[in-house]
Every structure is written in structure tokens, then in C-alpha cells.
Amino acid sequence: MMGTADVDRFSYRFRRSFEDGGHVDACVELSGSRWLYVSTSTALAGIRRLVAGVLADMDSVSGRL
């Protein structure tokens, strides 16, 4: 089972999106993972939840990471 420590192993990149009017956060190691939200703290929480979900899916398919 994946926990917070597993999500902490990843690198996150933040940028302001003037076109979208928010902050875009991405997980560097999981290309294609993006989270857009108005505030940086909410965007970070969102991308971390997304990564946790991806890791849980990977774990359920393979039984391990």
C-alpha cells in the first residue's frame, strides 16, 4: 500500500498559467500528470492526490512497485 512517504519521493514542478488563470503543478517523474487550481497550496495537494492514486493503481495491478 502506498503512503505519504511514497508520494514525497517524487519531484513536483509549479508554474503560473496566465491562460488558465491558475497554477499548474506537475509530477516530473510521471509525465502527463498535471493539476490546475487557483492557489499553489491547493494545486500541490491535488497533484499529490493524483500521484497517490496513480501509485495505488500501479500497486494493485502489479502487486508491488
PDB file of N, CA and C in Angstrom:
ATOM      1  N   MET A   1       0.843  -1.179   0.000  1.00  0.00           N
ATOM      2  CA  MET A   1       0.000   0.000   0.000  1.00  0.00           C
ATOM      3  C   MET A   1       0.889   1.243   0.000  1.00  0.00           C
ATOM      4  N   MET A   2       0.527   2.223  -0.803  1.00  0.00           N
ATOM      5  CA  MET A   2       1.302   3.442  -0.916  1.00  0.00           C
ATOM      6  C   MET A   2       0.904   4.419   0.182  1.00  0.00           C
ATOM      7  N   GLY A   3       1.880   5.131   0.692  1.00  0.00           N
ATOM      8  CA  GLY A   3       1.625   6.103   1.736  1.00  0.00           C
ATOM      9  C   GLY A   3       2.183   7.461   1.375  1.00  0.00           C
ATOM     10  N   THR A   4       2.123   8.374   2.317  1.00  0.00           N
ATOM     11  CA  THR A   4       2.619   9.726   2.098  1.00  0.00           C
ATOM     12  C   THR A   4       4.097   9.736   1.755  1.00  0.00           C
ATOM     13  N   ALA A   5       4.868   8.858   2.396  1.00  0.00           N
ATOM     14  CA  ALA A   5       6.306   8.819   2.134  1.00  0.00           C
ATOM     15  C   ALA A   5       6.580   8.500   0.677  1.00  0.00           C
ATOM     16  N   ASP A   6       5.757   7.649   0.059  1.00  0.00           N
ATOM     17  CA  ASP A   6       5.953   7.312  -1.349  1.00  0.00           C
ATOM     18  C   ASP A   6       5.692   8.519  -2.242  1.00  0.00           C
ATOM     19  N   VAL A   7       4.678   9.296  -1.935  1.00  0.00           N
ATOM     20  CA  VAL A   7       4.356  10.497  -2.706  1.00  0.00           C
ATOM     21  C   VAL A   7       5.469  11.533  -2.538  1.00  0.00           C
ATOM     22  N   ASP A   8       6.102  11.566  -1.376  1.00  0.00           N
ATOM     23  CA  ASP A   8       7.182  12.522  -1.104  1.00  0.00           C
ATOM     24  C   ASP A   8       8.448  12.223  -1.906  1.00  0.00           C
ATOM     25  N   ARG A   9       8.579  11.025  -2.453  1.00  0.00           N
ATOM     26  CA  ARG A   9       9.776  10.668  -3.219  1.00  0.00           C
ATOM     27  C   ARG A   9       9.818  11.329  -4.588  1.00  0.00           C
ATOM     28  N   PHE A  10       8.709  11.869  -5.031  1.00  0.00           N
ATOM     29  CA  PHE A  10       8.626  12.428  -6.371  1.00  0.00           C
ATOM     30  C   PHE A  10       8.924  13.924  -6.377  1.00  0.00           C
ATOM     31  N   SER A  11       9.283  14.422  -7.561  1.00  0.00           N
ATOM     32  CA  SER A  11       9.566  15.848  -7.742  1.00  0.00           C
ATOM     33  C   SER A  11       8.364  16.513  -8.378  1.00  0.00           C
ATOM     34  N   TYR A  12       8.056  17.712  -7.916  1.00  0.00           N
ATOM     35  CA  TYR A  12       6.912  18.453  -8.419  1.00  0.00           C
ATOM     36  C   TYR A  12       7.367  19.788  -8.976  1.00  0.00           C
ATOM     37  N   ARG A  13       6.767  20.183 -10.082  1.00  0.00           N
ATOM     38  CA  ARG A  13       7.111  21.455 -10.723  1.00  0.00           C
ATOM     39  C   ARG A  13       5.870  22.341 -10.739  1.00  0.00           C
ATOM     40  N   PHE A  14       6.050  23.606 -10.418  1.00  0.00           N
ATOM     41  CA  PHE A  14       4.945  24.555 -10.349  1.00  0.00           C
ATOM     42  C   PHE A  14       5.173  25.664 -11.357  1.00  0.00           C
ATOM     43  N   ARG A  15       4.089  26.083 -11.977  1.00  0.00           N
ATOM     44  CA  ARG A  15       4.181  27.265 -12.832  1.00  0.00           C
ATOM     45  C   ARG A  15       2.836  27.970 -12.851  1.00  0.00           C
ATOM     46  N   ARG A  16       2.887  29.239 -13.055  1.00  0.00           N
ATOM     47  CA  ARG A  16       1.670  30.054 -13.147  1.00  0.00           C
ATOM     48  C   ARG A  16       1.175  29.982 -14.578  1.00  0.00           C
ATOM     49  N   SER A  17      -0.099  29.735 -14.765  1.00  0.00           N
ATOM     50  CA  SER A  17      -0.695  29.706 -16.096  1.00  0.00           C
ATOM     51  C   SER A  17      -1.609  30.910 -16.241  1.00  0.00           C
ATOM     52  N   PHE A  18      -1.128  31.896 -16.965  1.00  0.00           N
ATOM     53  CA  PHE A  18      -1.937  33.098 -17.168  1.00  0.00           C
ATOM     54  C   PHE A  18      -3.120  32.802 -18.091  1.00  0.00           C
ATOM     55  N   GLU A  19      -2.931  31.865 -19.019  1.00  0.00           N
ATOM     56  CA  GLU A  19      -4.011  31.489 -19.931  1.00  0.00           C
ATOM     57  C   GLU A  19      -5.170  30.845 -19.175  1.00  0.00           C
ATOM     58  N   ASP A  20      -4.848  29.998 -18.215  1.00  0.00           N
ATOM     59  CA  ASP A  20      -5.867  29.277 -17.455  1.00  0.00           C
ATOM     60  C   ASP A  20      -6.270  29.990 -16.171  1.00  0.00           C
ATOM     61  N   GLY A  21      -5.523  31.000 -15.787  1.00  0.00           N
ATOM     62  CA  GLY A  21      -5.843  31.756 -14.583  1.00  0.00           C
ATOM     63  C   GLY A  21      -5.598  30.992 -13.300  1.00  0.00           C
ATOM     64  N   GLY A  22      -4.605  30.145 -13.294  1.00  0.00           N
ATOM     65  CA  GLY A  22      -4.310  29.371 -12.091  1.00  0.00           C
ATOM     66  C   GLY A  22      -2.877  28.903 -12.059  1.00  0.00           C
ATOM     67  N   HIS A  23      -2.611  27.941 -11.228  1.00  0.00           N
ATOM     68  CA  HIS A  23      -1.283  27.364 -11.082  1.00  0.00           C
ATOM     69  C   HIS A  23      -1.326  25.937 -11.605  1.00  0.00           C
ATOM     70  N   VAL A  24      -0.338  25.584 -12.416  1.00  0.00           N
ATOM     71  CA  VAL A  24      -0.247  24.234 -12.950  1.00  0.00           C
ATOM     72  C   VAL A  24       0.890  23.539 -12.232  1.00  0.00           C
ATOM     73  N   ASP A  25       0.572  22.433 -11.592  1.00  0.00           N
ATOM     74  CA  ASP A  25       1.576  21.623 -10.919  1.00  0.00           C
ATOM     75  C   ASP A  25       1.692  20.315 -11.675  1.00  0.00           C
ATOM     76  N   ALA A  26       2.889  19.795 -11.736  1.00  0.00           N
ATOM     77  CA  ALA A  26       3.131  18.545 -12.449  1.00  0.00           C
ATOM     78  C   ALA A  26       4.093  17.688 -11.659  1.00  0.00           C
ATOM     79  N   CYS A  27       3.958  16.393 -11.820  1.00  0.00           N
ATOM     80  CA  CYS A  27       4.916  15.460 -11.246  1.00  0.00           C
ATOM     81  C   CYS A  27       5.931  15.161 -12.334  1.00  0.00           C
ATOM     82  N   VAL A  28       7.190  15.449 -12.079  1.00  0.00           N
ATOM     83  CA  VAL A  28       8.238  15.319 -13.080  1.00  0.00           C
ATOM     84  C   VAL A  28       8.388  13.875 -13.549  1.00  0.00           C
ATOM     85  N   GLU A  29       8.348  12.920 -12.638  1.00  0.00           N
ATOM     86  CA  GLU A  29       8.582  11.514 -12.982  1.00  0.00           C
ATOM     87  C   GLU A  29       7.391  10.849 -13.678  1.00  0.00           C
ATOM     88  N   LEU A  30       6.213  11.402 -13.528  1.00  0.00           N
ATOM     89  CA  LEU A  30       5.021  10.837 -14.164  1.00  0.00           C
ATOM     90  C   LEU A  30       4.551  11.812 -15.237  1.00  0.00           C
ATOM     91  N   SER A  31       5.160  11.720 -16.413  1.00  0.00           N
ATOM     92  CA  SER A  31       4.844  12.673 -17.478  1.00  0.00           C
ATOM     93  C   SER A  31       3.358  12.609 -17.803  1.00  0.00           C
ATOM     94  N   GLY A  32       2.802  13.728 -18.087  1.00  0.00           N
ATOM     95  CA  GLY A  32       1.384  13.814 -18.391  1.00  0.00           C
ATOM     96  C   GLY A  32       0.514  14.092 -17.182  1.00  0.00           C
ATOM     97  N   SER A  33       1.086  14.008 -15.993  1.00  0.00           N
ATOM     98  CA  SER A  33       0.300  14.297 -14.787  1.00  0.00           C
ATOM     99  C   SER A  33       0.336  15.797 -14.530  1.00  0.00           C
ATOM    100  N   ARG A  34      -0.821  16.405 -14.542  1.00  0.00           N
ATOM    101  CA  ARG A  34      -0.939  17.847 -14.327  1.00  0.00           C
ATOM    102  C   ARG A  34      -2.132  18.111 -13.420  1.00  0.00           C
ATOM    103  N   TRP A  35      -2.047  19.195 -12.664  1.00  0.00           N
ATOM    104  CA  TRP A  35      -3.149  19.607 -11.809  1.00  0.00           C
ATOM    105  C   TRP A  35      -3.232  21.120 -11.869  1.00  0.00           C
ATOM    106  N   LEU A  36      -4.386  21.645 -12.194  1.00  0.00           N
ATOM    107  CA  LEU A  36      -4.591  23.088 -12.298  1.00  0.00           C
ATOM    108  C   LEU A  36      -5.542  23.539 -11.199  1.00  0.00           C
ATOM    109  N   TYR A  37      -5.139  24.577 -10.481  1.00  0.00           N
ATOM    110  CA  TYR A  37      -6.015  25.136  -9.459  1.00  0.00           C
ATOM    111  C   TYR A  37      -5.638  26.582  -9.215  1.00  0.00           C
ATOM    112  N   VAL A  38      -6.490  27.287  -8.499  1.00  0.00           N
ATOM    113  CA  VAL A  38      -6.307  28.720  -8.287  1.00  0.00           C
ATOM    114  C   VAL A  38      -5.109  29.020  -7.395  1.00  0.00           C
ATOM    115  N   SER A  39      -4.921  28.270  -6.312  1.00  0.00           N
ATOM    116  CA  SER A  39      -3.816  28.560  -5.391  1.00  0.00           C
ATOM    117  C   SER A  39      -2.750  27.469  -5.479  1.00  0.00           C
ATOM    118  N   THR A  40      -1.514  27.833  -5.157  1.00  0.00           N
ATOM    119  CA  THR A  40      -0.420  26.862  -5.225  1.00  0.00           C
ATOM    120  C   THR A  40      -0.584  25.751  -4.205  1.00  0.00           C
ATOM    121  N   SER A  41      -1.059  26.078  -3.007  1.00  0.00           N
ATOM    122  CA  SER A  41      -1.192  25.040  -1.979  1.00  0.00           C
ATOM    123  C   SER A  41      -2.273  24.030  -2.356  1.00  0.00           C
ATOM    124  N   THR A  42      -3.362  24.488  -2.928  1.00  0.00           N
ATOM    125  CA  THR A  42      -4.425  23.575  -3.352  1.00  0.00           C
ATOM    126  C   THR A  42      -3.979  22.752  -4.550  1.00  0.00           C
ATOM    127  N   ALA A  43      -3.224  23.367  -5.446  1.00  0.00           N
ATOM    128  CA  ALA A  43      -2.712  22.635  -6.604  1.00  0.00           C
ATOM    129  C   ALA A  43      -1.725  21.559  -6.162  1.00  0.00           C
ATOM    130  N   LEU A  44      -0.873  21.866  -5.199  1.00  0.00           N
ATOM    131  CA  LEU A  44       0.071  20.870  -4.690  1.00  0.00           C
ATOM    132  C   LEU A  44      -0.666  19.699  -4.045  1.00  0.00           C
ATOM    133  N   ALA A  45      -1.669  20.000  -3.250  1.00  0.00           N
ATOM    134  CA  ALA A  45      -2.459  18.930  -2.630  1.00  0.00           C
ATOM    135  C   ALA A  45      -3.116  18.069  -3.701  1.00  0.00           C
ATOM    136  N   GLY A  46      -3.602  18.705  -4.760  1.00  0.00           N
ATOM    137  CA  GLY A  46      -4.260  17.970  -5.833  1.00  0.00           C
ATOM    138  C   GLY A  46      -3.318  17.054  -6.590  1.00  0.00           C
ATOM    139  N   ILE A  47      -2.139  17.553  -6.951  1.00  0.00           N
ATOM    140  CA  ILE A  47      -1.186  16.716  -7.704  1.00  0.00           C
ATOM    141  C   ILE A  47      -0.690  15.577  -6.827  1.00  0.00           C
ATOM    142  N   ARG A  48      -0.535  15.820  -5.527  1.00  0.00           N
ATOM    143  CA  ARG A  48      -0.108  14.742  -4.629  1.00  0.00           C
ATOM    144  C   ARG A  48      -1.186  13.654  -4.522  1.00  0.00           C
ATOM    145  N   ARG A  49      -2.464  14.057  -4.501  1.00  0.00           N
ATOM    146  CA  ARG A  49      -3.553  13.068  -4.500  1.00  0.00           C
ATOM    147  C   ARG A  49      -3.566  12.284  -5.806  1.00  0.00           C
ATOM    148  N   LEU A  50      -3.333  12.984  -6.915  1.00  0.00           N
ATOM    149  CA  LEU A  50      -3.282  12.331  -8.212  1.00  0.00           C
ATOM    150  C   LEU A  50      -2.158  11.300  -8.264  1.00  0.00           C
ATOM    151  N   VAL A  51      -0.977  11.680  -7.797  1.00  0.00           N
ATOM    152  CA  VAL A  51       0.170  10.756  -7.771  1.00  0.00           C
ATOM    153  C   VAL A  51      -0.129   9.573  -6.856  1.00  0.00           C
ATOM    154  N   ALA A  52      -0.723   9.818  -5.709  1.00  0.00           N
ATOM    155  CA  ALA A  52      -1.071   8.721  -4.796  1.00  0.00           C
ATOM    156  C   ALA A  52      -2.032   7.750  -5.473  1.00  0.00           C
ATOM    157  N   GLY A  53      -2.979   8.271  -6.230  1.00  0.00           N
ATOM    158  CA  GLY A  53      -3.918   7.417  -6.951  1.00  0.00           C
ATOM    159  C   GLY A  53      -3.242   6.601  -8.031  1.00  0.00           C
ATOM    160  N   VAL A  54      -2.319   7.221  -8.759  1.00  0.00           N
ATOM    161  CA  VAL A  54      -1.566   6.503  -9.796  1.00  0.00           C
ATOM    162  C   VAL A  54      -0.739   5.390  -9.162  1.00  0.00           C
ATOM    163  N   LEU A  55      -0.072   5.690  -8.053  1.00  0.00           N
ATOM    164  CA  LEU A  55       0.743   4.673  -7.374  1.00  0.00           C
ATOM    165  C   LEU A  55      -0.131   3.531  -6.859  1.00  0.00           C
ATOM    166  N   ALA A  56      -1.304   3.843  -6.327  1.00  0.00           N
ATOM    167  CA  ALA A  56      -2.211   2.795  -5.842  1.00  0.00           C
ATOM    168  C   ALA A  56      -2.672   1.914  -7.000  1.00  0.00           C
ATOM    169  N   ASP A  57      -2.991   2.529  -8.147  1.00  0.00           N
ATOM    170  CA  ASP A  57      -3.383   1.755  -9.320  1.00  0.00           C
ATOM    171  C   ASP A  57      -2.251   0.852  -9.789  1.00  0.00           C
ATOM    172  N   MET A  58      -1.045   1.393  -9.835  1.00  0.00           N
ATOM    173  CA  MET A  58       0.113   0.597 -10.250  1.00  0.00           C
ATOM    174  C   MET A  58       0.338  -0.566  -9.289  1.00  0.00           C
ATOM    175  N   ASP A  59       0.185  -0.297  -8.006  1.00  0.00           N
ATOM    176  CA  ASP A  59       0.392  -1.318  -6.989  1.00  0.00           C
ATOM    177  C   ASP A  59      -0.669  -2.420  -7.101  1.00  0.00           C
ATOM    178  N   SER A  60      -1.912  -2.042  -7.385  1.00  0.00           N
ATOM    179  CA  SER A  60      -2.977  -3.050  -7.479  1.00  0.00           C
ATOM    180  C   SER A  60      -2.820  -3.937  -8.716  1.00  0.00           C
ATOM    181  N   VAL A  61      -2.222  -3.393  -9.767  1.00  0.00           N
ATOM    182  CA  VAL A  61      -2.023  -4.175 -10.988  1.00  0.00           C
ATOM    183  C   VAL A  61      -0.832  -5.111 -10.844  1.00  0.00           C
ATOM    184  N   SER A  62       0.259  -4.602 -10.307  1.00  0.00           N
ATOM    185  CA  SER A  62       1.489  -5.398 -10.248  1.00  0.00           C
ATOM    186  C   SER A  62       1.707  -6.077  -8.902  1.00  0.00           C
ATOM    187  N   GLY A  63       1.038  -5.595  -7.870  1.00  0.00           N
ATOM    188  CA  GLY A  63       1.241  -6.153  -6.543  1.00  0.00           C
ATOM    189  C   GLY A  63       2.436  -5.549  -5.814  1.00  0.00           C
ATOM    190  N   ARG A  64       3.203  -4.774  -6.538  1.00  0.00           N
ATOM    191  CA  ARG A  64       4.346  -4.087  -5.944  1.00  0.00           C
ATOM    192  C   ARG A  64       4.812  -3.013  -6.892  1.00  0.00           C
ATOM    193  N   LEU A  65       5.603  -2.084  -6.408  1.00  0.00           N
ATOM    194  CA  LEU A  65       6.209  -1.061  -7.252  1.00  0.00           C
ATOM    195  C   LEU A  65       7.685  -1.284  -7.343  1.00  0.00           C
TER     196      LEU A  65
END
